[in-house]
Amino acid sequence: MTASQRYFIARIFLLTLGALTSATGVLIFLLPHQIAPSGVSGVGVILNSFSDGLLNL
């Protein structure tokens, strides 16, 4: 395995870890208190709040 392949795998791993951390933060801290984060995830939280979970976002 070359150094560039190891670097690519490390970056993918860290991106995945960051996405999981962000999703966990939204699920555990923001959704129960009905706080909408910014960006696309905030739009999803707002739509879920207005539809009472009917959209299963």
PDB file of N, CA and C in Angstrom:
ATOM      1  N   MET A   1       0.856  -1.173   0.000  1.00  0.00           N
ATOM      2  CA  MET A   1       0.000   0.000   0.000  1.00  0.00           C
ATOM      3  C   MET A   1       0.903   1.237   0.000  1.00  0.00           C
ATOM      4  N   THR A   2       0.650   2.113  -0.928  1.00  0.00           N
ATOM      5  CA  THR A   2       1.484   3.311  -1.038  1.00  0.00           C
ATOM      6  C   THR A   2       1.040   4.366  -0.033  1.00  0.00           C
ATOM      7  N   ALA A   3       1.866   5.377   0.109  1.00  0.00           N
ATOM      8  CA  ALA A   3       1.564   6.448   1.058  1.00  0.00           C
ATOM      9  C   ALA A   3       0.309   7.210   0.649  1.00  0.00           C
ATOM     10  N   SER A   4       0.102   7.400  -0.644  1.00  0.00           N
ATOM     11  CA  SER A   4      -1.092   8.132  -1.078  1.00  0.00           C
ATOM     12  C   SER A   4      -2.365   7.327  -0.821  1.00  0.00           C
ATOM     13  N   GLN A   5      -2.285   6.008  -0.924  1.00  0.00           N
ATOM     14  CA  GLN A   5      -3.451   5.170  -0.618  1.00  0.00           C
ATOM     15  C   GLN A   5      -3.758   5.210   0.872  1.00  0.00           C
ATOM     16  N   ARG A   6      -2.714   5.165   1.710  1.00  0.00           N
ATOM     17  CA  ARG A   6      -2.923   5.260   3.161  1.00  0.00           C
ATOM     18  C   ARG A   6      -3.522   6.608   3.534  1.00  0.00           C
ATOM     19  N   TYR A   7      -3.046   7.659   2.896  1.00  0.00           N
ATOM     20  CA  TYR A   7      -3.573   8.999   3.147  1.00  0.00           C
ATOM     21  C   TYR A   7      -5.044   9.082   2.748  1.00  0.00           C
ATOM     22  N   PHE A   8      -5.401   8.507   1.613  1.00  0.00           N
ATOM     23  CA  PHE A   8      -6.784   8.506   1.146  1.00  0.00           C
ATOM     24  C   PHE A   8      -7.678   7.748   2.121  1.00  0.00           C
ATOM     25  N   ILE A   9      -7.252   6.585   2.573  1.00  0.00           N
ATOM     26  CA  ILE A   9      -8.042   5.790   3.516  1.00  0.00           C
ATOM     27  C   ILE A   9      -8.186   6.522   4.844  1.00  0.00           C
ATOM     28  N   ALA A  10      -7.119   7.167   5.302  1.00  0.00           N
ATOM     29  CA  ALA A  10      -7.188   7.921   6.554  1.00  0.00           C
ATOM     30  C   ALA A  10      -8.168   9.079   6.430  1.00  0.00           C
ATOM     31  N   ARG A  11      -8.166   9.759   5.296  1.00  0.00           N
ATOM     32  CA  ARG A  11      -9.103  10.874   5.100  1.00  0.00           C
ATOM     33  C   ARG A  11     -10.551  10.400   5.066  1.00  0.00           C
ATOM     34  N   ILE A  12     -10.807   9.293   4.382  1.00  0.00           N
ATOM     35  CA  ILE A  12     -12.166   8.748   4.335  1.00  0.00           C
ATOM     36  C   ILE A  12     -12.618   8.343   5.734  1.00  0.00           C
ATOM     37  N   PHE A  13     -11.727   7.717   6.495  1.00  0.00           N
ATOM     38  CA  PHE A  13     -12.057   7.318   7.860  1.00  0.00           C
ATOM     39  C   PHE A  13     -12.384   8.533   8.716  1.00  0.00           C
ATOM     40  N   LEU A  14     -11.575   9.580   8.636  1.00  0.00           N
ATOM     41  CA  LEU A  14     -11.820  10.770   9.445  1.00  0.00           C
ATOM     42  C   LEU A  14     -13.086  11.506   9.010  1.00  0.00           C
ATOM     43  N   LEU A  15     -13.378  11.537   7.723  1.00  0.00           N
ATOM     44  CA  LEU A  15     -14.628  12.143   7.256  1.00  0.00           C
ATOM     45  C   LEU A  15     -15.842  11.375   7.769  1.00  0.00           C
ATOM     46  N   THR A  16     -15.758  10.052   7.746  1.00  0.00           N
ATOM     47  CA  THR A  16     -16.847   9.220   8.258  1.00  0.00           C
ATOM     48  C   THR A  16     -17.017   9.419   9.758  1.00  0.00           C
ATOM     49  N   LEU A  17     -15.911   9.472  10.486  1.00  0.00           N
ATOM     50  CA  LEU A  17     -15.968   9.695  11.927  1.00  0.00           C
ATOM     51  C   LEU A  17     -16.579  11.058  12.242  1.00  0.00           C
ATOM     52  N   GLY A  18     -16.222  12.077  11.481  1.00  0.00           N
ATOM     53  CA  GLY A  18     -16.795  13.406  11.677  1.00  0.00           C
ATOM     54  C   GLY A  18     -18.288  13.450  11.385  1.00  0.00           C
ATOM     55  N   ALA A  19     -18.717  12.756  10.337  1.00  0.00           N
ATOM     56  CA  ALA A  19     -20.143  12.711  10.004  1.00  0.00           C
ATOM     57  C   ALA A  19     -20.934  11.991  11.091  1.00  0.00           C
ATOM     58  N   LEU A  20     -20.379  10.902  11.610  1.00  0.00           N
ATOM     59  CA  LEU A  20     -21.054  10.174  12.692  1.00  0.00           C
ATOM     60  C   LEU A  20     -21.127  11.013  13.963  1.00  0.00           C
ATOM     61  N   THR A  21     -20.070  11.749  14.260  1.00  0.00           N
ATOM     62  CA  THR A  21     -20.072  12.625  15.433  1.00  0.00           C
ATOM     63  C   THR A  21     -21.110  13.731  15.285  1.00  0.00           C
ATOM     64  N   SER A  22     -21.196  14.310  14.114  1.00  0.00           N
ATOM     65  CA  SER A  22     -22.181  15.359  13.862  1.00  0.00           C
ATOM     66  C   SER A  22     -23.604  14.823  13.968  1.00  0.00           C
ATOM     67  N   ALA A  23     -23.850  13.662  13.387  1.00  0.00           N
ATOM     68  CA  ALA A  23     -25.188  13.062  13.450  1.00  0.00           C
ATOM     69  C   ALA A  23     -25.568  12.711  14.880  1.00  0.00           C
ATOM     70  N   THR A  24     -24.607  12.214  15.647  1.00  0.00           N
ATOM     71  CA  THR A  24     -24.873  11.884  17.045  1.00  0.00           C
ATOM     72  C   THR A  24     -25.201  13.137  17.841  1.00  0.00           C
ATOM     73  N   GLY A  25     -24.482  14.213  17.582  1.00  0.00           N
ATOM     74  CA  GLY A  25     -24.758  15.474  18.272  1.00  0.00           C
ATOM     75  C   GLY A  25     -26.145  16.002  17.969  1.00  0.00           C
ATOM     76  N   VAL A  26     -26.551  15.918  16.715  1.00  0.00           N
ATOM     77  CA  VAL A  26     -27.896  16.371  16.347  1.00  0.00           C
ATOM     78  C   VAL A  26     -28.941  15.498  17.013  1.00  0.00           C
ATOM     79  N   LEU A  27     -28.743  14.194  16.981  1.00  0.00           N
ATOM     80  CA  LEU A  27     -29.728  13.259  17.517  1.00  0.00           C
ATOM     81  C   LEU A  27     -29.854  13.358  19.032  1.00  0.00           C
ATOM     82  N   ILE A  28     -28.747  13.479  19.729  1.00  0.00           N
ATOM     83  CA  ILE A  28     -28.773  13.440  21.194  1.00  0.00           C
ATOM     84  C   ILE A  28     -29.060  14.808  21.809  1.00  0.00           C
ATOM     85  N   PHE A  29     -28.477  15.872  21.258  1.00  0.00           N
ATOM     86  CA  PHE A  29     -28.568  17.168  21.919  1.00  0.00           C
ATOM     87  C   PHE A  29     -29.571  18.124  21.286  1.00  0.00           C
ATOM     88  N   LEU A  30     -29.645  18.172  19.981  1.00  0.00           N
ATOM     89  CA  LEU A  30     -30.458  19.205  19.343  1.00  0.00           C
ATOM     90  C   LEU A  30     -31.909  18.795  19.128  1.00  0.00           C
ATOM     91  N   LEU A  31     -32.152  17.597  18.645  1.00  0.00           N
ATOM     92  CA  LEU A  31     -33.531  17.173  18.370  1.00  0.00           C
ATOM     93  C   LEU A  31     -34.418  17.134  19.614  1.00  0.00           C
ATOM     94  N   PRO A  32     -33.965  16.593  20.743  1.00  0.00           N
ATOM     95  CA  PRO A  32     -34.858  16.563  21.909  1.00  0.00           C
ATOM     96  C   PRO A  32     -35.272  17.952  22.396  1.00  0.00           C
ATOM     97  N   HIS A  33     -34.441  18.962  22.150  1.00  0.00           N
ATOM     98  CA  HIS A  33     -34.746  20.315  22.606  1.00  0.00           C
ATOM     99  C   HIS A  33     -35.299  21.190  21.488  1.00  0.00           C
ATOM    100  N   GLN A  34     -35.579  20.580  20.341  1.00  0.00           N
ATOM    101  CA  GLN A  34     -36.143  21.249  19.167  1.00  0.00           C
ATOM    102  C   GLN A  34     -35.316  22.463  18.752  1.00  0.00           C
ATOM    103  N   ILE A  35     -33.995  22.276  18.705  1.00  0.00           N
ATOM    104  CA  ILE A  35     -33.069  23.296  18.228  1.00  0.00           C
ATOM    105  C   ILE A  35     -32.636  22.886  16.830  1.00  0.00           C
ATOM    106  N   ALA A  36     -32.791  23.769  15.869  1.00  0.00           N
ATOM    107  CA  ALA A  36     -32.420  23.451  14.492  1.00  0.00           C
ATOM    108  C   ALA A  36     -31.003  23.939  14.214  1.00  0.00           C
ATOM    109  N   PRO A  37     -30.114  23.039  13.824  1.00  0.00           N
ATOM    110  CA  PRO A  37     -28.767  23.473  13.432  1.00  0.00           C
ATOM    111  C   PRO A  37     -28.814  24.164  12.075  1.00  0.00           C
ATOM    112  N   SER A  38     -27.721  24.746  11.673  1.00  0.00           N
ATOM    113  CA  SER A  38     -27.702  25.434  10.377  1.00  0.00           C
ATOM    114  C   SER A  38     -27.450  24.447   9.245  1.00  0.00           C
ATOM    115  N   GLY A  39     -27.788  24.847   8.051  1.00  0.00           N
ATOM    116  CA  GLY A  39     -27.507  24.039   6.872  1.00  0.00           C
ATOM    117  C   GLY A  39     -28.618  23.061   6.536  1.00  0.00           C
ATOM    118  N   VAL A  40     -28.240  22.052   5.770  1.00  0.00           N
ATOM    119  CA  VAL A  40     -29.197  21.056   5.285  1.00  0.00           C
ATOM    120  C   VAL A  40     -29.769  20.245   6.441  1.00  0.00           C
ATOM    121  N   SER A  41     -28.954  19.939   7.437  1.00  0.00           N
ATOM    122  CA  SER A  41     -29.473  19.177   8.577  1.00  0.00           C
ATOM    123  C   SER A  41     -30.518  19.985   9.344  1.00  0.00           C
ATOM    124  N   GLY A  42     -30.365  21.301   9.386  1.00  0.00           N
ATOM    125  CA  GLY A  42     -31.363  22.150  10.032  1.00  0.00           C
ATOM    126  C   GLY A  42     -32.688  22.137   9.294  1.00  0.00           C
ATOM    127  N   VAL A  43     -32.627  22.125   7.971  1.00  0.00           N
ATOM    128  CA  VAL A  43     -33.851  22.036   7.170  1.00  0.00           C
ATOM    129  C   VAL A  43     -34.553  20.717   7.456  1.00  0.00           C
ATOM    130  N   GLY A  44     -33.799  19.635   7.570  1.00  0.00           N
ATOM    131  CA  GLY A  44     -34.383  18.329   7.889  1.00  0.00           C
ATOM    132  C   GLY A  44     -35.032  18.318   9.260  1.00  0.00           C
ATOM    133  N   VAL A  45     -34.388  18.953  10.238  1.00  0.00           N
ATOM    134  CA  VAL A  45     -34.956  19.022  11.588  1.00  0.00           C
ATOM    135  C   VAL A  45     -36.242  19.834  11.580  1.00  0.00           C
ATOM    136  N   ILE A  46     -36.258  20.934  10.854  1.00  0.00           N
ATOM    137  CA  ILE A  46     -37.459  21.772  10.785  1.00  0.00           C
ATOM    138  C   ILE A  46     -38.601  21.029  10.100  1.00  0.00           C
ATOM    139  N   LEU A  47     -38.320  20.361   8.978  1.00  0.00           N
ATOM    140  CA  LEU A  47     -39.363  19.591   8.294  1.00  0.00           C
ATOM    141  C   LEU A  47     -39.894  18.467   9.176  1.00  0.00           C
ATOM    142  N   ASN A  48     -39.015  17.806   9.898  1.00  0.00           N
ATOM    143  CA  ASN A  48     -39.439  16.739  10.800  1.00  0.00           C
ATOM    144  C   ASN A  48     -40.305  17.294  11.928  1.00  0.00           C
ATOM    145  N   SER A  49     -39.966  18.473  12.410  1.00  0.00           N
ATOM    146  CA  SER A  49     -40.738  19.087  13.488  1.00  0.00           C
ATOM    147  C   SER A  49     -42.138  19.484  13.016  1.00  0.00           C
ATOM    148  N   PHE A  50     -42.234  20.041  11.811  1.00  0.00           N
ATOM    149  CA  PHE A  50     -43.534  20.468  11.305  1.00  0.00           C
ATOM    150  C   PHE A  50     -44.422  19.312  10.873  1.00  0.00           C
ATOM    151  N   SER A  51     -43.828  18.202  10.464  1.00  0.00           N
ATOM    152  CA  SER A  51     -44.635  17.084   9.980  1.00  0.00           C
ATOM    153  C   SER A  51     -44.892  16.037  11.066  1.00  0.00           C
ATOM    154  N   ASP A  52     -44.469  16.303  12.286  1.00  0.00           N
ATOM    155  CA  ASP A  52     -44.631  15.372  13.415  1.00  0.00           C
ATOM    156  C   ASP A  52     -44.065  13.996  13.107  1.00  0.00           C
ATOM    157  N   GLY A  53     -42.963  13.950  12.375  1.00  0.00           N
ATOM    158  CA  GLY A  53     -42.291  12.689  12.088  1.00  0.00           C
ATOM    159  C   GLY A  53     -42.900  11.878  10.970  1.00  0.00           C
ATOM    160  N   LEU A  54     -43.862  12.434  10.233  1.00  0.00           N
ATOM    161  CA  LEU A  54     -44.506  11.679   9.160  1.00  0.00           C
ATOM    162  C   LEU A  54     -43.568  11.417   7.989  1.00  0.00           C
ATOM    163  N   LEU A  55     -42.564  12.285   7.802  1.00  0.00           N
ATOM    164  CA  LEU A  55     -41.641  12.119   6.684  1.00  0.00           C
ATOM    165  C   LEU A  55     -40.505  11.158   7.003  1.00  0.00           C
ATOM    166  N   ASN A  56     -40.355  10.773   8.252  1.00  0.00           N
ATOM    167  CA  ASN A  56     -39.290   9.874   8.710  1.00  0.00           C
ATOM    168  C   ASN A  56     -37.916  10.355   8.292  1.00  0.00           C
ATOM    169  N   LEU A  57     -37.625  11.619   8.554  1.00  0.00           N
ATOM    170  CA  LEU A  57     -36.310  12.181   8.237  1.00  0.00           C
ATOM    171  C   LEU A  57     -35.340  11.840   9.336  1.00  0.00           C
TER     172      LEU A  57
END
